[in-house]
Amino acid sequence: MREPPQIGGALRWFAQYPRALPIAIFLAIIAVTALGVWAIEHTEAQTRRTSLEQKTIAAAAALERRANAHSAYLRAGAALFSMQDEVKAQLFQAFIGQLRLDANFRGAEGIGWAERTDVTDIPELEARMSADDFGEFSVYPPPRDDHAYAVPIITLQPMTERNRRAIGYNMFSEQKRRYAMLEAEQSARPTATGRVSLVQETAGSDEAGFLIYMPVFRQKGSRDTRFLKGFVFSPFNARDFLTSALDGEVSNGAAIRLYDQAVAPQNLLAALTSRAAPGAAITDEAVTRTINVANRQWILEVQPLRARGLSPLAAMVLLAGLIVASLALAIASLLTRQAAEARRAIIWLEEQAAIRTLLTRELNHRVKNTLANVLSIISLTRRRAETIEDYARSLDGRIRALSATHDLLTQSEWGATPVRAVLEVEMAPYAMQHGSHLDLAGPDVDLAPNDALSLGLAVHELATNAAKYGALSVNSGKVYVHWDLVSHDLVRIRWREEGGPPVVQERRRGFGTDLIEKIVAHELRNPVDLVFEPAGVRCTMLIPVRRPSEFAMRARTTNKTDRKIR
């Protein structure tokens, strides 16, 4: 026996370097712990990112819903007032009363009416408004010399003390408001301004606001000629609008910013920072989403708030890893002092010689089968490959497919292997990217180890072809893999592709075709029907369903010897 000299050499090595093994174990556990901590932090970061994206989508939808609700009120007012010769204060108040504005109108200062007034008609408007119990009414600031008309605020409901400050304000005199009104007039739909300071705000206030305008027209002459009467509008405090629109859509632990058209400090409309744990700070990760509010683009930015340092779970894993590493170091140090126990291992190894002989025979049998498949793969791949790179890539993929099925057989201890398990292992790389494009269905059927290997090779070739040229190469494609029992000892597996690019009918015969029609068919002892139809590839395989007694004896023997060794 060759084992005793090896063990003796190991004992001499331990005697010469008594601290090497404990330190190596300690460092290995620390490395595994560090890897675990990194994996936990990475997973939690991805989870936070996904949650943050969902919160951003929900917040953007809430803002758009709220803006659309306000725009609907303005559209209703425009439809009503377009049929009136004159929009009187009493009519406007009655309209506001009929709306019965509920909580959906939170965030707005109210609804107002601004009348288009020619420069020459301003004195008449001021006199008329002053006579209608509005008190002293004046249009301010006066129109510029290059402006033919003004758009003063006539009324703004509810008429609070804050809103009274805006009565008479000529909104056409301010650039952002003027551009929004001109755009609304041209498009005939609600249009929002950029960031402005509301007239209602007190002097020195830096609160940002915006307005939404809806033009009101009256027909003049023919139906194609229309005349601008004025605007139904709503002014908004941007922060109040953001707060009321979200209202629970974004949970605690996030910083939210709303920008007009582009992310820049001068375009900031509103910012909210929700409650977070003590010591939390805004992270560098952020999710932005473009939303459309009344014919204008806004940018919503959401950043999470989280505590500095490791997450609780990662901290627990790190602590546990340090404890385990320390205990392992102590235990390993004690074990190195027990070198004499290795002599007992020599006796035990001698007793296991017969078992190893049996295992060697079993391994030789399995290796010969595997090498036969590998040699066939190498030979046919070499014939079909045009370049060294093509040869290496093709060979690598097929050997990996064989290895994946071997791993599955090892997990089942070289016993019966379900058809579904073989298909899922081989289709796993494509299920991650095309999960919704795969349809696997069939009864529970177990295969013998060699038959499972042959099926794995065939499915690998079909999946590789589908990913390169067939249904898995496009988003619209789908692959159906269905199987059923033809008889008690024969299962039929059908592969069908749909929705992929048209299959080229005149093509060079590849290795995959030879492997399926020759090697796999030979191993399965049944012909394989492989058809390249224009609509997609079809393949039908018949696989024998053998009784477990035909191959279970070897697995039971292997299991017994494995247990003895352990």
Protein backbone atom coordinates (compact mmCIF):
# COMPACT_ATOMS: atom_id res chain seq x y z
CA MET A 1 0.00 0.00 0.00
CA ARG A 2 1.26 3.50 -0.88
CA GLU A 3 -0.80 5.35 1.75
CA PRO A 4 1.48 5.00 4.81
CA PRO A 5 4.41 6.92 3.32
CA GLN A 6 2.03 9.68 2.27
CA ILE A 7 0.52 9.90 5.72
CA GLY A 8 3.93 9.83 7.27
CA GLY A 9 4.99 12.66 5.00
CA ALA A 10 1.92 14.60 6.07
CA LEU A 11 2.76 14.04 9.71
CA ARG A 12 6.30 15.30 9.16
CA TRP A 13 4.88 18.34 7.40
CA PHE A 14 2.60 19.07 10.37
CA ALA A 15 5.49 18.67 12.75
CA GLN A 16 7.63 21.07 10.76
CA TYR A 17 4.90 23.73 10.32
CA PRO A 18 2.49 23.28 13.26
CA ARG A 19 0.82 26.70 12.81
CA ALA A 20 0.27 26.58 9.06
CA LEU A 21 -3.00 24.61 9.05
CA PRO A 22 -4.74 26.64 11.81
CA ILE A 23 -3.78 29.92 10.14
CA ALA A 24 -4.91 28.65 6.74
CA ILE A 25 -8.28 27.59 8.18
CA PHE A 26 -8.67 30.95 9.93
CA LEU A 27 -7.91 32.88 6.75
CA ALA A 28 -10.23 30.67 4.70
CA ILE A 29 -13.16 31.26 7.08
CA ILE A 30 -12.45 34.98 7.11
CA ALA A 31 -12.44 34.97 3.29
CA VAL A 32 -15.72 33.06 3.13
CA THR A 33 -17.22 35.44 5.69
CA ALA A 34 -16.07 38.48 3.72
CA LEU A 35 -17.56 36.99 0.57
CA GLY A 36 -20.84 36.37 2.40
CA VAL A 37 -20.93 39.93 3.73
CA TRP A 38 -20.28 41.28 0.24
CA ALA A 39 -23.02 39.07 -1.23
CA ILE A 40 -25.52 40.23 1.41
CA GLU A 41 -24.66 43.88 0.85
CA HIS A 42 -24.85 43.43 -2.92
CA THR A 43 -28.22 41.67 -2.69
CA GLU A 44 -29.62 44.29 -0.35
CA ALA A 45 -28.39 47.03 -2.68
CA GLN A 46 -30.19 45.39 -5.60
CA THR A 47 -33.30 44.99 -3.46
CA ARG A 48 -33.16 48.64 -2.47
CA ARG A 49 -32.70 49.62 -6.10
CA THR A 50 -35.74 47.61 -7.19
CA SER A 51 -37.83 48.99 -4.34
CA LEU A 52 -36.65 52.50 -5.16
CA GLU A 53 -37.64 52.11 -8.80
CA GLN A 54 -41.08 50.88 -7.76
CA LYS A 55 -41.48 53.85 -5.42
CA THR A 56 -40.42 56.22 -8.17
CA ILE A 57 -42.91 54.75 -10.61
CA ALA A 58 -45.68 55.00 -8.00
CA ALA A 59 -44.76 58.61 -7.17
CA ALA A 60 -44.61 59.61 -10.85
CA ALA A 61 -48.01 58.03 -11.46
CA ALA A 62 -49.46 59.87 -8.45
CA LEU A 63 -48.14 63.22 -9.70
CA GLU A 64 -49.51 62.63 -13.19
CA ARG A 65 -52.88 61.59 -11.78
CA ARG A 66 -53.08 64.71 -9.67
CA ALA A 67 -52.05 66.96 -12.59
CA ASN A 68 -54.59 65.27 -14.86
CA ALA A 69 -57.31 65.80 -12.26
CA HIS A 70 -56.53 69.53 -12.09
CA SER A 71 -56.42 69.72 -15.89
CA ALA A 72 -59.84 68.07 -16.05
CA TYR A 73 -61.32 70.82 -13.86
CA LEU A 74 -59.79 73.46 -16.12
CA ARG A 75 -61.07 71.74 -19.26
CA ALA A 76 -64.57 71.69 -17.77
CA GLY A 77 -64.38 75.41 -17.04
CA ALA A 78 -63.10 76.17 -20.54
CA ALA A 79 -65.94 74.19 -22.10
CA LEU A 80 -68.50 76.10 -20.04
CA PHE A 81 -67.11 79.60 -20.51
CA SER A 82 -66.54 79.19 -24.26
CA MET A 83 -70.34 79.23 -24.65
CA GLN A 84 -70.76 82.48 -22.69
CA ASP A 85 -70.48 85.94 -24.19
CA GLU A 86 -68.97 87.21 -20.97
CA VAL A 87 -67.48 85.41 -17.97
CA LYS A 88 -68.99 87.20 -14.99
CA ALA A 89 -67.83 86.80 -11.42
CA GLN A 90 -71.18 85.36 -10.34
CA LEU A 91 -71.08 82.75 -13.08
CA PHE A 92 -67.52 81.79 -12.17
CA GLN A 93 -68.40 81.47 -8.48
CA ALA A 94 -71.39 79.30 -9.37
CA PHE A 95 -69.14 77.10 -11.49
CA ILE A 96 -66.65 76.64 -8.65
CA GLY A 97 -69.49 75.81 -6.29
CA GLN A 98 -70.87 73.16 -8.64
CA LEU A 99 -67.47 71.49 -8.90
CA ARG A 100 -67.60 70.56 -5.18
CA LEU A 101 -63.82 70.30 -5.13
CA ASP A 102 -62.72 67.46 -2.89
CA ALA A 103 -59.37 66.31 -1.52
CA ASN A 104 -58.10 65.70 -5.06
CA PHE A 105 -57.73 69.45 -5.47
CA ARG A 106 -55.26 69.74 -2.61
CA GLY A 107 -52.01 71.42 -3.51
CA ALA A 108 -53.61 74.13 -5.68
CA GLU A 109 -54.27 77.72 -4.61
CA GLY A 110 -57.62 77.58 -6.40
CA ILE A 111 -59.12 78.13 -9.86
CA GLY A 112 -59.06 81.53 -11.48
CA TRP A 113 -60.21 83.44 -14.54
CA ALA A 114 -57.87 85.76 -16.45
CA GLU A 115 -59.39 87.78 -19.26
CA ARG A 116 -57.61 88.75 -22.45
CA THR A 117 -57.89 92.54 -22.58
CA ASP A 118 -56.64 94.80 -25.34
CA VAL A 119 -54.46 97.66 -24.18
CA THR A 120 -57.11 100.19 -25.21
CA ASP A 121 -59.78 98.35 -23.20
CA ILE A 122 -57.88 98.28 -19.88
CA PRO A 123 -59.43 101.52 -18.50
CA GLU A 124 -62.91 100.22 -19.27
CA LEU A 125 -62.11 96.89 -17.51
CA GLU A 126 -60.77 98.66 -14.44
CA ALA A 127 -63.87 100.86 -14.23
CA ARG A 128 -66.23 97.92 -14.68
CA MET A 129 -64.49 95.77 -12.09
CA SER A 130 -64.31 98.62 -9.57
CA ALA A 131 -68.05 99.16 -9.98
CA ASP A 132 -68.86 95.44 -9.36
CA ASP A 133 -67.99 95.55 -5.63
CA PHE A 134 -64.40 94.44 -6.25
CA GLY A 135 -63.08 97.55 -4.61
CA GLU A 136 -60.25 99.40 -6.26
CA PHE A 137 -59.24 97.27 -9.27
CA SER A 138 -56.23 98.01 -11.38
CA VAL A 139 -54.17 96.08 -13.90
CA TYR A 140 -50.51 95.75 -12.89
CA PRO A 141 -47.88 95.84 -14.15
CA PRO A 142 -48.98 97.77 -17.24
CA PRO A 143 -48.43 96.12 -20.64
CA ARG A 144 -45.15 96.69 -22.40
CA ASP A 145 -45.12 98.80 -25.52
CA ASP A 146 -44.70 95.73 -27.74
CA HIS A 147 -47.67 93.91 -26.16
CA ALA A 148 -51.06 94.38 -27.81
CA TYR A 149 -53.01 93.03 -24.86
CA ALA A 150 -52.82 92.10 -21.20
CA VAL A 151 -54.13 89.04 -19.32
CA PRO A 152 -55.09 90.29 -15.83
CA ILE A 153 -56.49 88.03 -13.14
CA ILE A 154 -60.21 88.82 -12.75
CA THR A 155 -61.07 86.35 -10.01
CA LEU A 156 -59.39 83.53 -8.11
CA GLN A 157 -61.56 81.18 -6.06
CA PRO A 158 -61.62 80.65 -3.18
CA MET A 159 -61.27 84.35 -2.59
CA THR A 160 -58.99 84.18 0.44
CA GLU A 161 -56.86 87.02 1.70
CA ARG A 162 -53.87 85.29 0.11
CA ASN A 163 -55.57 85.05 -3.31
CA ARG A 164 -56.75 88.68 -3.20
CA ARG A 165 -53.11 89.72 -3.66
CA ALA A 166 -53.20 88.27 -7.17
CA ILE A 167 -56.34 90.13 -8.41
CA GLY A 168 -55.45 92.45 -11.28
CA TYR A 169 -52.00 90.95 -11.88
CA ASN A 170 -51.11 91.05 -15.60
CA MET A 171 -49.70 87.54 -16.10
CA PHE A 172 -48.79 88.32 -19.72
CA SER A 173 -46.09 90.66 -18.42
CA GLU A 174 -43.97 87.80 -17.02
CA GLN A 175 -41.96 85.74 -19.48
CA LYS A 176 -42.56 82.17 -18.23
CA ARG A 177 -46.28 82.75 -17.78
CA ARG A 178 -46.47 84.42 -21.20
CA TYR A 179 -44.74 81.52 -22.95
CA ALA A 180 -47.05 79.00 -21.26
CA MET A 181 -50.17 81.00 -22.25
CA LEU A 182 -49.01 81.29 -25.84
CA GLU A 183 -48.30 77.54 -25.95
CA ALA A 184 -51.71 76.78 -24.44
CA GLU A 185 -53.40 79.05 -26.98
CA GLN A 186 -51.61 77.32 -29.85
CA SER A 187 -52.20 73.74 -28.64
CA ALA A 188 -55.67 74.38 -27.12
CA ARG A 189 -54.91 72.18 -24.14
CA PRO A 190 -53.77 72.64 -20.53
CA THR A 191 -50.17 73.86 -20.35
CA ALA A 192 -47.94 74.34 -17.31
CA THR A 193 -45.38 77.06 -16.76
CA GLY A 194 -41.85 76.57 -15.58
CA ARG A 195 -40.75 77.51 -12.06
CA VAL A 196 -42.21 80.88 -11.04
CA SER A 197 -42.84 82.83 -7.85
CA LEU A 198 -46.56 83.14 -7.20
CA VAL A 199 -47.98 86.62 -6.70
CA GLN A 200 -49.67 85.33 -3.57
CA GLU A 201 -46.33 84.75 -1.84
CA THR A 202 -45.12 87.42 0.56
CA ALA A 203 -42.07 89.50 -0.25
CA GLY A 204 -38.80 87.65 0.29
CA SER A 205 -40.35 84.17 0.01
CA ASP A 206 -38.33 81.66 -2.00
CA GLU A 207 -41.21 79.20 -2.40
CA ALA A 208 -41.38 77.88 -5.96
CA GLY A 209 -44.66 77.60 -7.80
CA PHE A 210 -46.16 76.99 -11.20
CA LEU A 211 -49.44 77.57 -13.05
CA ILE A 212 -51.55 75.53 -15.46
CA TYR A 213 -53.45 77.45 -18.14
CA MET A 214 -56.42 76.30 -20.22
CA PRO A 215 -57.43 78.71 -23.02
CA VAL A 216 -61.06 79.71 -23.55
CA PHE A 217 -62.09 80.58 -27.11
CA ARG A 218 -65.21 81.92 -28.71
CA GLN A 219 -66.10 81.46 -32.31
CA LYS A 220 -65.92 84.55 -34.45
CA GLY A 221 -67.39 84.46 -37.93
CA SER A 222 -66.86 81.07 -39.53
CA ARG A 223 -66.34 77.97 -37.42
CA ASP A 224 -62.64 77.88 -38.30
CA THR A 225 -62.06 81.35 -36.85
CA ARG A 226 -61.71 81.53 -33.09
CA PHE A 227 -60.89 84.35 -30.71
CA LEU A 228 -59.08 84.03 -27.38
CA LYS A 229 -61.32 85.20 -24.53
CA GLY A 230 -58.95 84.38 -21.70
CA PHE A 231 -57.67 81.55 -19.55
CA VAL A 232 -59.02 79.33 -16.82
CA PHE A 233 -55.99 78.65 -14.66
CA SER A 234 -54.79 77.22 -11.38
CA PRO A 235 -51.73 78.43 -9.46
CA PHE A 236 -49.82 75.89 -7.39
CA ASN A 237 -47.30 75.99 -4.61
CA ALA A 238 -44.91 73.31 -5.89
CA ARG A 239 -44.09 71.86 -2.46
CA ASP A 240 -47.77 71.65 -1.47
CA PHE A 241 -48.58 70.03 -4.81
CA LEU A 242 -45.82 67.42 -4.36
CA THR A 243 -46.79 66.69 -0.75
CA SER A 244 -50.49 66.30 -1.47
CA ALA A 245 -49.98 64.26 -4.64
CA LEU A 246 -47.66 61.71 -3.03
CA ASP A 247 -49.50 61.42 0.32
CA GLY A 248 -48.20 57.98 1.27
CA GLU A 249 -47.06 56.80 -2.17
CA VAL A 250 -43.43 56.90 -1.01
CA SER A 251 -42.65 55.41 2.36
CA ASN A 252 -40.26 56.79 4.94
CA GLY A 253 -36.58 56.77 4.23
CA ALA A 254 -36.42 58.63 0.92
CA ALA A 255 -35.49 62.08 -0.38
CA ILE A 256 -37.66 63.31 -3.27
CA ARG A 257 -36.93 66.18 -5.65
CA LEU A 258 -39.02 67.55 -8.47
CA TYR A 259 -37.31 69.42 -11.33
CA ASP A 260 -38.68 71.32 -14.30
CA GLN A 261 -37.39 69.81 -17.57
CA ALA A 262 -33.81 69.15 -16.40
CA VAL A 263 -32.02 68.25 -13.17
CA ALA A 264 -30.40 71.51 -12.15
CA PRO A 265 -30.54 73.64 -8.98
CA GLN A 266 -32.24 76.53 -10.79
CA ASN A 267 -34.98 74.17 -12.03
CA LEU A 268 -35.81 72.69 -8.61
CA LEU A 269 -39.54 72.93 -7.98
CA ALA A 270 -39.86 71.13 -4.65
CA ALA A 271 -37.95 68.77 -2.38
CA LEU A 272 -39.15 66.47 0.39
CA THR A 273 -37.14 64.44 2.85
CA SER A 274 -39.14 61.87 4.80
CA ARG A 275 -38.34 60.57 8.25
CA ALA A 276 -35.47 58.12 8.60
CA ALA A 277 -33.51 56.37 11.30
CA PRO A 278 -31.04 58.48 13.32
CA GLY A 279 -27.70 58.73 11.58
CA ALA A 280 -29.17 58.01 8.15
CA ALA A 281 -27.87 59.92 5.17
CA ILE A 282 -28.76 60.35 1.51
CA THR A 283 -26.95 57.74 -0.58
CA ASP A 284 -25.35 58.27 -3.96
CA GLU A 285 -27.81 55.97 -5.72
CA ALA A 286 -30.83 57.74 -7.19
CA VAL A 287 -33.64 56.92 -9.61
CA THR A 288 -35.07 59.53 -11.96
CA ARG A 289 -38.21 59.38 -14.05
CA THR A 290 -39.63 61.78 -16.61
CA ILE A 291 -43.29 62.68 -16.19
CA ASN A 292 -45.65 64.82 -18.25
CA VAL A 293 -47.58 67.46 -16.36
CA ALA A 294 -49.91 69.57 -18.45
CA ASN A 295 -47.91 69.53 -21.69
CA ARG A 296 -44.58 70.00 -19.88
CA GLN A 297 -41.86 67.56 -18.87
CA TRP A 298 -40.78 67.26 -15.27
CA ILE A 299 -38.06 65.12 -13.72
CA LEU A 300 -38.78 63.20 -10.52
CA GLU A 301 -35.70 62.14 -8.56
CA VAL A 302 -35.86 59.76 -5.59
CA GLN A 303 -32.89 58.93 -3.35
CA PRO A 304 -33.01 56.46 -0.46
CA LEU A 305 -31.99 57.25 3.10
CA ARG A 306 -30.09 54.54 4.91
CA ALA A 307 -27.81 54.23 7.88
CA ARG A 308 -24.09 54.35 7.32
CA GLY A 309 -22.10 51.13 7.63
CA LEU A 310 -23.12 47.51 7.16
CA SER A 311 -26.69 46.31 7.20
CA PRO A 312 -27.83 44.42 10.34
CA LEU A 313 -27.74 41.04 8.57
CA ALA A 314 -24.26 41.65 7.15
CA ALA A 315 -23.01 42.77 10.56
CA MET A 316 -24.40 39.59 12.15
CA VAL A 317 -22.74 37.42 9.48
CA LEU A 318 -19.44 39.22 9.99
CA LEU A 319 -19.60 38.76 13.75
CA ALA A 320 -20.56 35.10 13.41
CA GLY A 321 -17.74 34.57 10.92
CA LEU A 322 -15.18 36.08 13.29
CA ILE A 323 -16.41 33.89 16.12
CA VAL A 324 -16.34 30.74 13.98
CA ALA A 325 -12.90 31.60 12.62
CA SER A 326 -11.55 32.09 16.13
CA LEU A 327 -13.02 28.80 17.32
CA ALA A 328 -11.69 27.00 14.24
CA LEU A 329 -8.25 28.44 14.88
CA ALA A 330 -8.28 27.16 18.45
CA ILE A 331 -9.58 23.73 17.46
CA ALA A 332 -7.13 23.38 14.58
CA SER A 333 -4.26 24.29 16.90
CA LEU A 334 -5.28 21.49 19.23
CA LEU A 335 -5.63 19.02 16.38
CA THR A 336 -2.13 19.66 15.10
CA ARG A 337 -0.83 18.44 18.43
CA GLN A 338 -2.56 15.13 17.88
CA ALA A 339 -0.40 14.05 14.97
CA ALA A 340 -0.18 10.56 16.39
CA GLU A 341 -3.84 10.06 15.54
CA ALA A 342 -2.85 9.91 11.89
CA ARG A 343 -1.52 6.39 12.51
CA ARG A 344 -5.04 5.26 13.13
CA ALA A 345 -6.06 6.76 9.82
CA ILE A 346 -3.48 4.50 8.12
CA ILE A 347 -5.14 1.40 9.54
CA TRP A 348 -8.55 2.69 8.52
CA LEU A 349 -7.32 3.36 4.97
CA GLU A 350 -5.99 -0.19 4.72
CA GLU A 351 -9.40 -1.50 5.70
CA GLN A 352 -10.97 0.56 2.95
CA ALA A 353 -8.75 -0.80 0.20
CA ALA A 354 -11.40 -3.25 -0.98
CA ILE A 355 -13.96 -0.46 -1.11
CA ARG A 356 -11.63 1.74 -3.13
CA THR A 357 -11.07 -1.10 -5.59
CA LEU A 358 -14.81 -1.36 -6.16
CA LEU A 359 -15.07 2.41 -6.54
CA THR A 360 -12.20 2.39 -9.04
CA ARG A 361 -14.05 -0.13 -11.18
CA GLU A 362 -17.22 1.90 -11.04
CA LEU A 363 -15.33 5.09 -11.84
CA ASN A 364 -13.58 3.36 -14.73
CA HIS A 365 -16.96 2.31 -16.15
CA ARG A 366 -18.39 5.80 -15.92
CA VAL A 367 -15.27 7.50 -17.22
CA LYS A 368 -15.18 5.23 -20.27
CA ASN A 369 -18.77 6.14 -21.12
CA THR A 370 -18.08 9.83 -20.61
CA LEU A 371 -14.83 9.72 -22.60
CA ALA A 372 -16.61 7.98 -25.46
CA ASN A 373 -19.10 10.86 -25.63
CA VAL A 374 -16.33 13.44 -25.29
CA LEU A 375 -14.24 11.86 -28.05
CA SER A 376 -17.26 11.82 -30.37
CA ILE A 377 -17.95 15.47 -29.58
CA ILE A 378 -14.31 16.43 -30.19
CA SER A 379 -14.13 14.53 -33.46
CA LEU A 380 -17.34 15.93 -34.96
CA THR A 381 -16.68 19.43 -33.65
CA ARG A 382 -13.26 19.42 -35.32
CA ARG A 383 -14.79 18.44 -38.64
CA ARG A 384 -17.37 21.23 -38.57
CA ALA A 385 -15.29 24.05 -37.06
CA GLU A 386 -13.86 26.60 -39.46
CA THR A 387 -11.54 28.38 -37.00
CA ILE A 388 -9.75 27.58 -33.77
CA GLU A 389 -11.99 30.07 -31.91
CA ASP A 390 -15.13 28.48 -33.32
CA TYR A 391 -13.81 25.04 -32.41
CA ALA A 392 -12.97 26.10 -28.82
CA ARG A 393 -16.28 27.89 -28.31
CA SER A 394 -18.38 25.03 -29.65
CA LEU A 395 -16.41 22.42 -27.74
CA ASP A 396 -16.63 24.44 -24.51
CA GLY A 397 -20.41 24.78 -24.74
CA ARG A 398 -20.96 21.08 -25.39
CA ILE A 399 -18.60 19.93 -22.66
CA ARG A 400 -20.34 22.31 -20.25
CA ALA A 401 -23.71 20.85 -21.24
CA LEU A 402 -22.36 17.36 -20.55
CA SER A 403 -20.96 18.62 -17.21
CA ALA A 404 -24.28 20.19 -16.20
CA THR A 405 -26.11 16.92 -16.77
CA HIS A 406 -23.36 15.05 -14.89
CA ASP A 407 -23.89 17.38 -11.93
CA LEU A 408 -27.61 16.61 -12.03
CA LEU A 409 -26.90 12.87 -12.10
CA THR A 410 -24.48 13.26 -9.21
CA GLN A 411 -27.17 14.99 -7.17
CA SER A 412 -29.49 12.04 -7.84
CA GLU A 413 -26.60 9.69 -6.96
CA TRP A 414 -26.69 8.25 -10.50
CA GLY A 415 -30.20 7.00 -10.04
CA ALA A 416 -33.42 7.94 -11.78
CA THR A 417 -33.41 11.52 -13.13
CA PRO A 418 -36.66 13.38 -14.01
CA VAL A 419 -37.09 14.66 -17.57
CA ARG A 420 -38.09 18.10 -16.26
CA ALA A 421 -34.89 18.35 -14.20
CA VAL A 422 -32.71 17.67 -17.27
CA LEU A 423 -34.61 20.26 -19.32
CA GLU A 424 -34.46 22.91 -16.58
CA VAL A 425 -30.69 22.43 -16.10
CA GLU A 426 -29.96 22.80 -19.81
CA MET A 427 -32.39 25.71 -20.31
CA ALA A 428 -31.31 27.56 -17.16
CA PRO A 429 -29.05 30.08 -19.00
CA TYR A 430 -31.94 31.02 -21.26
CA ALA A 431 -34.67 30.95 -18.61
CA MET A 432 -32.96 33.89 -16.80
CA GLN A 433 -33.30 36.08 -19.91
CA HIS A 434 -36.26 34.48 -21.67
CA GLY A 435 -38.26 32.95 -18.83
CA SER A 436 -41.59 34.02 -20.31
CA HIS A 437 -40.57 32.54 -23.69
CA LEU A 438 -40.16 28.96 -22.42
CA ASP A 439 -43.04 26.50 -21.99
CA LEU A 440 -42.12 23.19 -20.33
CA ALA A 441 -44.97 20.75 -19.73
CA GLY A 442 -45.34 17.03 -19.27
CA PRO A 443 -45.86 14.25 -16.72
CA ASP A 444 -43.34 13.07 -14.14
CA VAL A 445 -41.03 10.66 -16.00
CA ASP A 446 -37.66 9.38 -14.74
CA LEU A 447 -34.77 8.48 -17.04
CA ALA A 448 -31.75 6.27 -16.67
CA PRO A 449 -28.39 8.09 -16.27
CA ASN A 450 -27.07 7.48 -19.81
CA ASP A 451 -30.40 8.43 -21.38
CA ALA A 452 -30.47 11.61 -19.31
CA LEU A 453 -26.97 12.49 -20.59
CA SER A 454 -28.05 12.01 -24.21
CA LEU A 455 -31.17 14.13 -23.68
CA GLY A 456 -29.04 16.86 -22.09
CA LEU A 457 -26.71 16.99 -25.10
CA ALA A 458 -29.64 17.20 -27.55
CA VAL A 459 -31.42 19.95 -25.60
CA HIS A 460 -28.18 21.93 -25.34
CA GLU A 461 -27.74 21.88 -29.11
CA LEU A 462 -31.37 22.84 -29.74
CA ALA A 463 -31.23 25.67 -27.18
CA THR A 464 -27.94 26.99 -28.54
CA ASN A 465 -29.34 27.04 -32.07
CA ALA A 466 -32.54 28.76 -30.85
CA ALA A 467 -30.54 31.41 -29.01
CA LYS A 468 -28.34 32.13 -32.05
CA TYR A 469 -30.78 31.86 -34.92
CA GLY A 470 -34.18 30.77 -33.68
CA ALA A 471 -37.02 31.70 -31.30
CA LEU A 472 -34.76 32.67 -28.37
CA SER A 473 -32.91 35.23 -30.47
CA VAL A 474 -35.88 37.64 -30.59
CA ASN A 475 -38.34 38.93 -28.00
CA SER A 476 -41.36 37.62 -29.92
CA GLY A 477 -40.13 34.02 -30.04
CA LYS A 478 -41.24 31.14 -27.84
CA VAL A 479 -40.03 27.58 -27.33
CA TYR A 480 -42.40 24.75 -26.37
CA VAL A 481 -40.94 21.58 -24.88
CA HIS A 482 -43.71 19.08 -24.16
CA TRP A 483 -43.38 15.38 -23.36
CA ASP A 484 -45.81 12.50 -22.88
CA LEU A 485 -45.71 8.75 -22.39
CA VAL A 486 -46.25 6.88 -25.64
CA SER A 487 -46.24 3.62 -23.73
CA HIS A 488 -45.16 2.35 -20.32
CA ASP A 489 -41.54 2.08 -21.53
CA LEU A 490 -41.26 4.97 -24.03
CA VAL A 491 -41.51 8.75 -23.55
CA ARG A 492 -41.84 11.19 -26.46
CA ILE A 493 -40.25 14.65 -26.16
CA ARG A 494 -41.27 17.35 -28.66
CA TRP A 495 -39.34 20.57 -29.18
CA ARG A 496 -41.14 23.31 -31.15
CA GLU A 497 -40.15 26.95 -31.85
CA GLU A 498 -42.53 29.76 -32.80
CA GLY A 499 -42.21 33.46 -33.46
CA GLY A 500 -38.52 33.39 -34.37
CA PRO A 501 -36.82 34.50 -37.59
CA PRO A 502 -37.66 32.42 -40.66
CA VAL A 503 -35.47 29.34 -40.84
CA VAL A 504 -33.11 29.35 -43.80
CA GLN A 505 -33.82 26.23 -45.84
CA GLU A 506 -30.52 26.10 -47.72
CA ARG A 507 -27.79 25.89 -45.11
CA ARG A 508 -24.66 23.98 -44.27
CA ARG A 509 -25.18 20.90 -42.14
CA GLY A 510 -23.72 21.58 -38.68
CA PHE A 511 -22.33 19.48 -35.88
CA GLY A 512 -25.45 19.97 -33.77
CA THR A 513 -27.53 18.21 -36.42
CA ASP A 514 -25.06 15.32 -36.62
CA LEU A 515 -24.86 15.02 -32.84
CA ILE A 516 -28.64 14.85 -32.47
CA GLU A 517 -29.34 12.59 -35.45
CA LYS A 518 -26.34 10.27 -34.98
CA ILE A 519 -24.88 10.24 -31.47
CA VAL A 520 -28.07 10.97 -29.53
CA ALA A 521 -30.22 8.74 -31.73
CA HIS A 522 -27.68 5.93 -31.33
CA GLU A 523 -27.54 6.31 -27.55
CA LEU A 524 -31.33 6.44 -27.24
CA ARG A 525 -31.76 3.49 -29.61
CA ASN A 526 -34.53 5.36 -31.40
CA PRO A 527 -34.49 7.67 -34.43
CA VAL A 528 -34.69 11.43 -33.87
CA ASP A 529 -37.02 13.49 -36.10
CA LEU A 530 -35.29 16.89 -36.58
CA VAL A 531 -37.06 19.23 -39.05
CA PHE A 532 -36.04 22.81 -39.97
CA GLU A 533 -39.41 24.28 -40.96
CA PRO A 534 -39.60 27.92 -42.15
CA ALA A 535 -41.70 28.81 -39.07
CA GLY A 536 -39.24 27.24 -36.64
CA VAL A 537 -37.27 24.12 -35.70
CA ARG A 538 -39.15 20.98 -34.65
CA CYS A 539 -37.54 17.97 -33.00
CA THR A 540 -39.17 14.79 -31.73
CA MET A 541 -37.20 12.28 -29.64
CA LEU A 542 -38.27 8.89 -28.33
CA ILE A 543 -36.49 7.89 -25.11
CA PRO A 544 -36.79 4.49 -23.43
CA VAL A 545 -38.10 4.47 -19.87
CA ARG A 546 -36.11 1.68 -18.25
CA ARG A 547 -36.97 -0.09 -15.03
CA PRO A 548 -34.92 1.10 -12.05
CA SER A 549 -33.61 -2.43 -11.58
CA GLU A 550 -31.62 -2.10 -14.80
CA PHE A 551 -29.37 0.61 -13.41
CA ALA A 552 -30.13 0.97 -9.69
CA MET A 553 -27.79 -1.81 -8.57
CA ARG A 554 -24.70 0.19 -9.49
CA ALA A 555 -26.08 3.29 -7.75
CA ARG A 556 -26.85 1.30 -4.58
CA THR A 557 -23.36 -0.16 -4.56
CA THR A 558 -21.84 3.26 -5.01
CA ASN A 559 -23.96 4.71 -2.21
CA LYS A 560 -22.92 1.95 0.17
CA THR A 561 -19.24 2.47 -0.51
CA ASP A 562 -19.63 6.24 -0.22
CA ARG A 563 -21.25 5.83 3.19
CA LYS A 564 -18.48 3.51 4.33
CA ILE A 565 -15.85 6.04 3.34
CA ARG A 566 -17.64 8.81 5.15
